[in-house]
Amino acid sequence: TRGYRSGGPVQNAAKRGIFCGKEISFGNKVSHSERKTRRKWKPNTAWKQFYFETLEETFRIKVTAHAIRCIKKQGGIESLLVNRPQL
């Protein structure tokens, strides 16, 4: 039993970057003839450099587009990590 959404184990991608709750979604690709084949939608990720003022160092971190917006809204990556420790 792999709990994808119901509080199950964290997917491996979340261990390697900041995804802010975004994860792989599954569904069907539907052709014109309405034949259905399984597919997955991956989060929109990118490698981005962030400067940590307390460490005085720049780190390259894999983040989603949603995470970048969250970081800007919080006022920086350090404040996001302090306010949302579950990341």
PDB file of N, CA and C in Angstrom:
ATOM      1  N   THR A   1       0.847  -1.195   0.000  1.00  0.00           N
ATOM      2  CA  THR A   1       0.000   0.000   0.000  1.00  0.00           C
ATOM      3  C   THR A   1       0.875   1.234   0.000  1.00  0.00           C
ATOM      4  N   ARG A   2       0.848   1.962  -1.074  1.00  0.00           N
ATOM      5  CA  ARG A   2       1.602   3.209  -1.167  1.00  0.00           C
ATOM      6  C   ARG A   2       0.628   4.365  -1.064  1.00  0.00           C
ATOM      7  N   GLY A   3       0.575   5.056   0.040  1.00  0.00           N
ATOM      8  CA  GLY A   3      -0.349   6.179   0.179  1.00  0.00           C
ATOM      9  C   GLY A   3       0.161   7.393  -0.561  1.00  0.00           C
ATOM     10  N   TYR A   4      -0.382   7.665  -1.722  1.00  0.00           N
ATOM     11  CA  TYR A   4       0.085   8.804  -2.503  1.00  0.00           C
ATOM     12  C   TYR A   4      -0.402  10.118  -1.928  1.00  0.00           C
ATOM     13  N   ARG A   5      -1.624  10.159  -1.468  1.00  0.00           N
ATOM     14  CA  ARG A   5      -2.167  11.424  -1.004  1.00  0.00           C
ATOM     15  C   ARG A   5      -2.596  11.388   0.463  1.00  0.00           C
ATOM     16  N   SER A   6      -2.871  10.246   0.980  1.00  0.00           N
ATOM     17  CA  SER A   6      -3.466  10.155   2.308  1.00  0.00           C
ATOM     18  C   SER A   6      -2.408  10.002   3.400  1.00  0.00           C
ATOM     19  N   GLY A   7      -1.517  10.964   3.488  1.00  0.00           N
ATOM     20  CA  GLY A   7      -0.527  10.957   4.556  1.00  0.00           C
ATOM     21  C   GLY A   7       0.450   9.802   4.490  1.00  0.00           C
ATOM     22  N   GLY A   8       0.620   9.221   3.333  1.00  0.00           N
ATOM     23  CA  GLY A   8       1.522   8.091   3.163  1.00  0.00           C
ATOM     24  C   GLY A   8       2.963   8.541   3.124  1.00  0.00           C
ATOM     25  N   PRO A   9       3.841   7.683   2.664  1.00  0.00           N
ATOM     26  CA  PRO A   9       5.255   8.038   2.624  1.00  0.00           C
ATOM     27  C   PRO A   9       5.522   9.168   1.629  1.00  0.00           C
ATOM     28  N   VAL A  10       6.529   9.956   1.928  1.00  0.00           N
ATOM     29  CA  VAL A  10       6.908  11.065   1.058  1.00  0.00           C
ATOM     30  C   VAL A  10       7.570  10.497  -0.187  1.00  0.00           C
ATOM     31  N   GLN A  11       7.189  11.027  -1.347  1.00  0.00           N
ATOM     32  CA  GLN A  11       7.804  10.542  -2.570  1.00  0.00           C
ATOM     33  C   GLN A  11       9.271  10.941  -2.601  1.00  0.00           C
ATOM     34  N   ASN A  12      10.066  10.190  -3.338  1.00  0.00           N
ATOM     35  CA  ASN A  12      11.509  10.402  -3.354  1.00  0.00           C
ATOM     36  C   ASN A  12      11.881  11.781  -3.859  1.00  0.00           C
ATOM     37  N   ALA A  13      11.109  12.359  -4.775  1.00  0.00           N
ATOM     38  CA  ALA A  13      11.434  13.681  -5.300  1.00  0.00           C
ATOM     39  C   ALA A  13      11.407  14.728  -4.195  1.00  0.00           C
ATOM     40  N   ALA A  14      10.497  14.586  -3.241  1.00  0.00           N
ATOM     41  CA  ALA A  14      10.384  15.564  -2.161  1.00  0.00           C
ATOM     42  C   ALA A  14      11.603  15.529  -1.243  1.00  0.00           C
ATOM     43  N   LYS A  15      12.342  14.442  -1.256  1.00  0.00           N
ATOM     44  CA  LYS A  15      13.547  14.351  -0.435  1.00  0.00           C
ATOM     45  C   LYS A  15      14.722  15.079  -1.082  1.00  0.00           C
ATOM     46  N   ARG A  16      14.591  15.445  -2.367  1.00  0.00           N
ATOM     47  CA  ARG A  16      15.707  16.032  -3.097  1.00  0.00           C
ATOM     48  C   ARG A  16      15.475  17.475  -3.494  1.00  0.00           C
ATOM     49  N   GLY A  17      14.484  18.145  -2.916  1.00  0.00           N
ATOM     50  CA  GLY A  17      14.231  19.531  -3.276  1.00  0.00           C
ATOM     51  C   GLY A  17      13.047  20.091  -2.506  1.00  0.00           C
ATOM     52  N   ILE A  18      12.668  21.328  -2.850  1.00  0.00           N
ATOM     53  CA  ILE A  18      11.535  21.980  -2.213  1.00  0.00           C
ATOM     54  C   ILE A  18      10.379  21.946  -3.202  1.00  0.00           C
ATOM     55  N   PHE A  19       9.339  21.187  -2.867  1.00  0.00           N
ATOM     56  CA  PHE A  19       8.231  20.982  -3.786  1.00  0.00           C
ATOM     57  C   PHE A  19       6.929  21.617  -3.292  1.00  0.00           C
ATOM     58  N   CYS A  20       6.870  22.076  -2.043  1.00  0.00           N
ATOM     59  CA  CYS A  20       5.700  22.767  -1.469  1.00  0.00           C
ATOM     60  C   CYS A  20       4.397  22.013  -1.717  1.00  0.00           C
ATOM     61  N   GLY A  21       4.388  20.722  -1.475  1.00  0.00           N
ATOM     62  CA  GLY A  21       3.162  19.952  -1.584  1.00  0.00           C
ATOM     63  C   GLY A  21       2.840  19.434  -2.970  1.00  0.00           C
ATOM     64  N   LYS A  22       3.576  19.849  -3.975  1.00  0.00           N
ATOM     65  CA  LYS A  22       3.312  19.359  -5.328  1.00  0.00           C
ATOM     66  C   LYS A  22       3.925  17.971  -5.482  1.00  0.00           C
ATOM     67  N   GLU A  23       3.200  17.095  -6.154  1.00  0.00           N
ATOM     68  CA  GLU A  23       3.695  15.746  -6.356  1.00  0.00           C
ATOM     69  C   GLU A  23       3.217  15.229  -7.708  1.00  0.00           C
ATOM     70  N   ILE A  24       3.661  14.052  -8.076  1.00  0.00           N
ATOM     71  CA  ILE A  24       3.282  13.465  -9.353  1.00  0.00           C
ATOM     72  C   ILE A  24       1.805  13.089  -9.315  1.00  0.00           C
ATOM     73  N   SER A  25       1.060  13.473 -10.364  1.00  0.00           N
ATOM     74  CA  SER A  25      -0.345  13.105 -10.497  1.00  0.00           C
ATOM     75  C   SER A  25      -0.480  12.037 -11.567  1.00  0.00           C
ATOM     76  N   PHE A  26      -1.475  11.192 -11.414  1.00  0.00           N
ATOM     77  CA  PHE A  26      -1.703  10.107 -12.359  1.00  0.00           C
ATOM     78  C   PHE A  26      -3.078  10.248 -12.980  1.00  0.00           C
ATOM     79  N   GLY A  27      -3.211   9.774 -14.199  1.00  0.00           N
ATOM     80  CA  GLY A  27      -4.498   9.831 -14.873  1.00  0.00           C
ATOM     81  C   GLY A  27      -4.430   9.129 -16.211  1.00  0.00           C
ATOM     82  N   ASN A  28      -5.367   9.495 -17.077  1.00  0.00           N
ATOM     83  CA  ASN A  28      -5.459   8.870 -18.389  1.00  0.00           C
ATOM     84  C   ASN A  28      -5.203   9.883 -19.485  1.00  0.00           C
ATOM     85  N   LYS A  29      -4.479   9.459 -20.514  1.00  0.00           N
ATOM     86  CA  LYS A  29      -4.372  10.205 -21.751  1.00  0.00           C
ATOM     87  C   LYS A  29      -5.501   9.682 -22.634  1.00  0.00           C
ATOM     88  N   VAL A  30      -6.332  10.568 -23.153  1.00  0.00           N
ATOM     89  CA  VAL A  30      -7.488  10.146 -23.927  1.00  0.00           C
ATOM     90  C   VAL A  30      -7.310  10.607 -25.363  1.00  0.00           C
ATOM     91  N   SER A  31      -7.308   9.664 -26.303  1.00  0.00           N
ATOM     92  CA  SER A  31      -7.136   9.980 -27.714  1.00  0.00           C
ATOM     93  C   SER A  31      -8.479  10.406 -28.320  1.00  0.00           C
ATOM     94  N   HIS A  32      -8.441  10.763 -29.587  1.00  0.00           N
ATOM     95  CA  HIS A  32      -9.661  11.167 -30.286  1.00  0.00           C
ATOM     96  C   HIS A  32     -10.686  10.033 -30.303  1.00  0.00           C
ATOM     97  N   SER A  33     -10.206   8.795 -30.392  1.00  0.00           N
ATOM     98  CA  SER A  33     -11.121   7.652 -30.390  1.00  0.00           C
ATOM     99  C   SER A  33     -11.519   7.245 -28.970  1.00  0.00           C
ATOM    100  N   GLU A  34     -11.124   8.060 -27.999  1.00  0.00           N
ATOM    101  CA  GLU A  34     -11.417   7.869 -26.576  1.00  0.00           C
ATOM    102  C   GLU A  34     -10.769   6.613 -25.996  1.00  0.00           C
ATOM    103  N   ARG A  35      -9.689   6.165 -26.613  1.00  0.00           N
ATOM    104  CA  ARG A  35      -8.884   5.092 -26.033  1.00  0.00           C
ATOM    105  C   ARG A  35      -8.084   5.707 -24.886  1.00  0.00           C
ATOM    106  N   LYS A  36      -8.029   5.024 -23.763  1.00  0.00           N
ATOM    107  CA  LYS A  36      -7.379   5.577 -22.576  1.00  0.00           C
ATOM    108  C   LYS A  36      -6.082   4.823 -22.274  1.00  0.00           C
ATOM    109  N   THR A  37      -5.015   5.567 -22.099  1.00  0.00           N
ATOM    110  CA  THR A  37      -3.744   4.987 -21.674  1.00  0.00           C
ATOM    111  C   THR A  37      -3.262   5.765 -20.464  1.00  0.00           C
ATOM    112  N   ARG A  38      -2.614   5.076 -19.542  1.00  0.00           N
ATOM    113  CA  ARG A  38      -2.167   5.710 -18.300  1.00  0.00           C
ATOM    114  C   ARG A  38      -1.015   6.668 -18.569  1.00  0.00           C
ATOM    115  N   ARG A  39      -0.992   7.751 -17.811  1.00  0.00           N
ATOM    116  CA  ARG A  39       0.103   8.705 -17.904  1.00  0.00           C
ATOM    117  C   ARG A  39       0.262   9.392 -16.565  1.00  0.00           C
ATOM    118  N   LYS A  40       1.311  10.184 -16.433  1.00  0.00           N
ATOM    119  CA  LYS A  40       1.515  10.935 -15.194  1.00  0.00           C
ATOM    120  C   LYS A  40       1.935  12.365 -15.512  1.00  0.00           C
ATOM    121  N   TRP A  41       1.557  13.256 -14.642  1.00  0.00           N
ATOM    122  CA  TRP A  41       1.923  14.659 -14.745  1.00  0.00           C
ATOM    123  C   TRP A  41       2.951  14.940 -13.661  1.00  0.00           C
ATOM    124  N   LYS A  42       4.112  15.408 -14.087  1.00  0.00           N
ATOM    125  CA  LYS A  42       5.178  15.702 -13.130  1.00  0.00           C
ATOM    126  C   LYS A  42       5.136  17.181 -12.744  1.00  0.00           C
ATOM    127  N   PRO A  43       5.584  17.529 -11.544  1.00  0.00           N
ATOM    128  CA  PRO A  43       5.621  18.941 -11.143  1.00  0.00           C
ATOM    129  C   PRO A  43       6.582  19.741 -12.014  1.00  0.00           C
ATOM    130  N   ASN A  44       6.301  21.016 -12.171  1.00  0.00           N
ATOM    131  CA  ASN A  44       7.135  21.917 -12.962  1.00  0.00           C
ATOM    132  C   ASN A  44       8.347  22.299 -12.113  1.00  0.00           C
ATOM    133  N   THR A  45       9.471  21.617 -12.314  1.00  0.00           N
ATOM    134  CA  THR A  45      10.646  21.822 -11.468  1.00  0.00           C
ATOM    135  C   THR A  45      11.768  22.508 -12.241  1.00  0.00           C
ATOM    136  N   ALA A  46      12.621  23.174 -11.495  1.00  0.00           N
ATOM    137  CA  ALA A  46      13.796  23.823 -12.068  1.00  0.00           C
ATOM    138  C   ALA A  46      14.866  23.908 -10.985  1.00  0.00           C
ATOM    139  N   TRP A  47      16.115  23.943 -11.416  1.00  0.00           N
ATOM    140  CA  TRP A  47      17.229  24.178 -10.491  1.00  0.00           C
ATOM    141  C   TRP A  47      17.397  25.679 -10.335  1.00  0.00           C
ATOM    142  N   LYS A  48      17.485  26.155  -9.090  1.00  0.00           N
ATOM    143  CA  LYS A  48      17.603  27.585  -8.839  1.00  0.00           C
ATOM    144  C   LYS A  48      18.608  27.812  -7.719  1.00  0.00           C
ATOM    145  N   GLN A  49      19.344  28.914  -7.828  1.00  0.00           N
ATOM    146  CA  GLN A  49      20.323  29.254  -6.791  1.00  0.00           C
ATOM    147  C   GLN A  49      19.678  30.175  -5.776  1.00  0.00           C
ATOM    148  N   PHE A  50      19.900  29.877  -4.492  1.00  0.00           N
ATOM    149  CA  PHE A  50      19.388  30.699  -3.407  1.00  0.00           C
ATOM    150  C   PHE A  50      20.536  31.075  -2.488  1.00  0.00           C
ATOM    151  N   TYR A  51      20.519  32.320  -2.034  1.00  0.00           N
ATOM    152  CA  TYR A  51      21.547  32.813  -1.122  1.00  0.00           C
ATOM    153  C   TYR A  51      21.004  32.773   0.300  1.00  0.00           C
ATOM    154  N   PHE A  52      21.741  32.112   1.192  1.00  0.00           N
ATOM    155  CA  PHE A  52      21.383  32.050   2.601  1.00  0.00           C
ATOM    156  C   PHE A  52      22.232  33.073   3.345  1.00  0.00           C
ATOM    157  N   GLU A  53      21.567  34.083   3.907  1.00  0.00           N
ATOM    158  CA  GLU A  53      22.292  35.172   4.577  1.00  0.00           C
ATOM    159  C   GLU A  53      22.991  34.690   5.841  1.00  0.00           C
ATOM    160  N   THR A  54      22.336  33.795   6.597  1.00  0.00           N
ATOM    161  CA  THR A  54      22.949  33.346   7.846  1.00  0.00           C
ATOM    162  C   THR A  54      24.212  32.530   7.600  1.00  0.00           C
ATOM    163  N   LEU A  55      24.218  31.744   6.529  1.00  0.00           N
ATOM    164  CA  LEU A  55      25.399  30.940   6.199  1.00  0.00           C
ATOM    165  C   LEU A  55      26.370  31.678   5.285  1.00  0.00           C
ATOM    166  N   GLU A  56      25.908  32.784   4.703  1.00  0.00           N
ATOM    167  CA  GLU A  56      26.678  33.569   3.733  1.00  0.00           C
ATOM    168  C   GLU A  56      27.175  32.680   2.597  1.00  0.00           C
ATOM    169  N   GLU A  57      26.241  31.872   2.067  1.00  0.00           N
ATOM    170  CA  GLU A  57      26.588  30.931   1.016  1.00  0.00           C
ATOM    171  C   GLU A  57      25.422  30.785   0.045  1.00  0.00           C
ATOM    172  N   THR A  58      25.741  30.434  -1.197  1.00  0.00           N
ATOM    173  CA  THR A  58      24.726  30.193  -2.217  1.00  0.00           C
ATOM    174  C   THR A  58      24.601  28.690  -2.435  1.00  0.00           C
ATOM    175  N   PHE A  59      23.350  28.216  -2.485  1.00  0.00           N
ATOM    176  CA  PHE A  59      23.079  26.802  -2.719  1.00  0.00           C
ATOM    177  C   PHE A  59      22.202  26.650  -3.943  1.00  0.00           C
ATOM    178  N   ARG A  60      22.422  25.583  -4.688  1.00  0.00           N
ATOM    179  CA  ARG A  60      21.617  25.263  -5.863  1.00  0.00           C
ATOM    180  C   ARG A  60      20.610  24.190  -5.444  1.00  0.00           C
ATOM    181  N   ILE A  61      19.311  24.526  -5.527  1.00  0.00           N
ATOM    182  CA  ILE A  61      18.258  23.665  -5.015  1.00  0.00           C
ATOM    183  C   ILE A  61      17.221  23.433  -6.108  1.00  0.00           C
ATOM    184  N   LYS A  62      16.688  22.224  -6.172  1.00  0.00           N
ATOM    185  CA  LYS A  62      15.613  21.910  -7.116  1.00  0.00           C
ATOM    186  C   LYS A  62      14.290  22.338  -6.487  1.00  0.00           C
ATOM    187  N   VAL A  63      13.555  23.212  -7.176  1.00  0.00           N
ATOM    188  CA  VAL A  63      12.291  23.738  -6.654  1.00  0.00           C
ATOM    189  C   VAL A  63      11.224  23.716  -7.751  1.00  0.00           C
ATOM    190  N   THR A  64       9.963  23.734  -7.331  1.00  0.00           N
ATOM    191  CA  THR A  64       8.862  23.847  -8.279  1.00  0.00           C
ATOM    192  C   THR A  64       8.537  25.323  -8.492  1.00  0.00           C
ATOM    193  N   ALA A  65       7.785  25.599  -9.542  1.00  0.00           N
ATOM    194  CA  ALA A  65       7.360  26.975  -9.806  1.00  0.00           C
ATOM    195  C   ALA A  65       6.498  27.483  -8.648  1.00  0.00           C
ATOM    196  N   HIS A  66       5.682  26.609  -8.074  1.00  0.00           N
ATOM    197  CA  HIS A  66       4.859  26.981  -6.925  1.00  0.00           C
ATOM    198  C   HIS A  66       5.741  27.337  -5.718  1.00  0.00           C
ATOM    199  N   ALA A  67       6.817  26.580  -5.521  1.00  0.00           N
ATOM    200  CA  ALA A  67       7.721  26.850  -4.407  1.00  0.00           C
ATOM    201  C   ALA A  67       8.421  28.193  -4.574  1.00  0.00           C
ATOM    202  N   ILE A  68       8.767  28.553  -5.809  1.00  0.00           N
ATOM    203  CA  ILE A  68       9.412  29.847  -6.058  1.00  0.00           C
ATOM    204  C   ILE A  68       8.469  30.984  -5.673  1.00  0.00           C
ATOM    205  N   ARG A  69       7.184  30.839  -6.021  1.00  0.00           N
ATOM    206  CA  ARG A  69       6.205  31.858  -5.636  1.00  0.00           C
ATOM    207  C   ARG A  69       6.050  31.918  -4.122  1.00  0.00           C
ATOM    208  N   CYS A  70       6.055  30.771  -3.451  1.00  0.00           N
ATOM    209  CA  CYS A  70       5.954  30.736  -1.983  1.00  0.00           C
ATOM    210  C   CYS A  70       7.165  31.407  -1.341  1.00  0.00           C
ATOM    211  N   ILE A  71       8.351  31.175  -1.905  1.00  0.00           N
ATOM    212  CA  ILE A  71       9.575  31.780  -1.372  1.00  0.00           C
ATOM    213  C   ILE A  71       9.521  33.295  -1.498  1.00  0.00           C
ATOM    214  N   LYS A  72       9.079  33.782  -2.650  1.00  0.00           N
ATOM    215  CA  LYS A  72       8.957  35.233  -2.841  1.00  0.00           C
ATOM    216  C   LYS A  72       7.931  35.827  -1.894  1.00  0.00           C
ATOM    217  N   LYS A  73       6.821  35.135  -1.679  1.00  0.00           N
ATOM    218  CA  LYS A  73       5.762  35.630  -0.806  1.00  0.00           C
ATOM    219  C   LYS A  73       6.231  35.699   0.653  1.00  0.00           C
ATOM    220  N   GLN A  74       7.026  34.721   1.083  1.00  0.00           N
ATOM    221  CA  GLN A  74       7.524  34.690   2.462  1.00  0.00           C
ATOM    222  C   GLN A  74       8.663  35.680   2.686  1.00  0.00           C
ATOM    223  N   GLY A  75       9.271  36.174   1.610  1.00  0.00           N
ATOM    224  CA  GLY A  75      10.351  37.125   1.767  1.00  0.00           C
ATOM    225  C   GLY A  75      11.727  36.493   1.769  1.00  0.00           C
ATOM    226  N   GLY A  76      11.868  35.314   1.230  1.00  0.00           N
ATOM    227  CA  GLY A  76      13.171  34.661   1.145  1.00  0.00           C
ATOM    228  C   GLY A  76      13.084  33.213   1.550  1.00  0.00           C
ATOM    229  N   ILE A  77      14.087  32.470   1.155  1.00  0.00           N
ATOM    230  CA  ILE A  77      14.055  31.026   1.417  1.00  0.00           C
ATOM    231  C   ILE A  77      14.237  30.716   2.892  1.00  0.00           C
ATOM    232  N   GLU A  78      15.017  31.519   3.606  1.00  0.00           N
ATOM    233  CA  GLU A  78      15.234  31.247   5.023  1.00  0.00           C
ATOM    234  C   GLU A  78      13.950  31.397   5.819  1.00  0.00           C
ATOM    235  N   SER A  79      13.188  32.443   5.544  1.00  0.00           N
ATOM    236  CA  SER A  79      11.937  32.634   6.282  1.00  0.00           C
ATOM    237  C   SER A  79      10.920  31.558   5.920  1.00  0.00           C
ATOM    238  N   LEU A  80      10.945  31.074   4.672  1.00  0.00           N
ATOM    239  CA  LEU A  80      10.042  29.980   4.294  1.00  0.00           C
ATOM    240  C   LEU A  80      10.392  28.715   5.064  1.00  0.00           C
ATOM    241  N   LEU A  81      11.677  28.406   5.155  1.00  0.00           N
ATOM    242  CA  LEU A  81      12.085  27.181   5.857  1.00  0.00           C
ATOM    243  C   LEU A  81      11.822  27.266   7.362  1.00  0.00           C
ATOM    244  N   VAL A  82      11.885  28.472   7.929  1.00  0.00           N
ATOM    245  CA  VAL A  82      11.593  28.631   9.350  1.00  0.00           C
ATOM    246  C   VAL A  82      10.097  28.515   9.605  1.00  0.00           C
ATOM    247  N   ASN A  83       9.286  29.139   8.740  1.00  0.00           N
ATOM    248  CA  ASN A  83       7.844  29.142   8.943  1.00  0.00           C
ATOM    249  C   ASN A  83       7.175  27.838   8.531  1.00  0.00           C
ATOM    250  N   ARG A  84       7.773  27.080   7.624  1.00  0.00           N
ATOM    251  CA  ARG A  84       7.195  25.819   7.147  1.00  0.00           C
ATOM    252  C   ARG A  84       8.219  24.709   7.290  1.00  0.00           C
ATOM    253  N   PRO A  85       8.430  24.193   8.505  1.00  0.00           N
ATOM    254  CA  PRO A  85       9.485  23.209   8.727  1.00  0.00           C
ATOM    255  C   PRO A  85       9.223  21.859   8.064  1.00  0.00           C
ATOM    256  N   GLN A  86       7.979  21.588   7.616  1.00  0.00           N
ATOM    257  CA  GLN A  86       7.684  20.295   7.002  1.00  0.00           C
ATOM    258  C   GLN A  86       8.256  20.182   5.617  1.00  0.00           C
ATOM    259  N   LEU A  87       8.833  21.240   5.042  1.00  0.00           N
ATOM    260  CA  LEU A  87       9.422  21.160   3.707  1.00  0.00           C
ATOM    261  C   LEU A  87      10.635  20.315   3.803  1.00  0.00           C
TER     262      LEU A  87
END
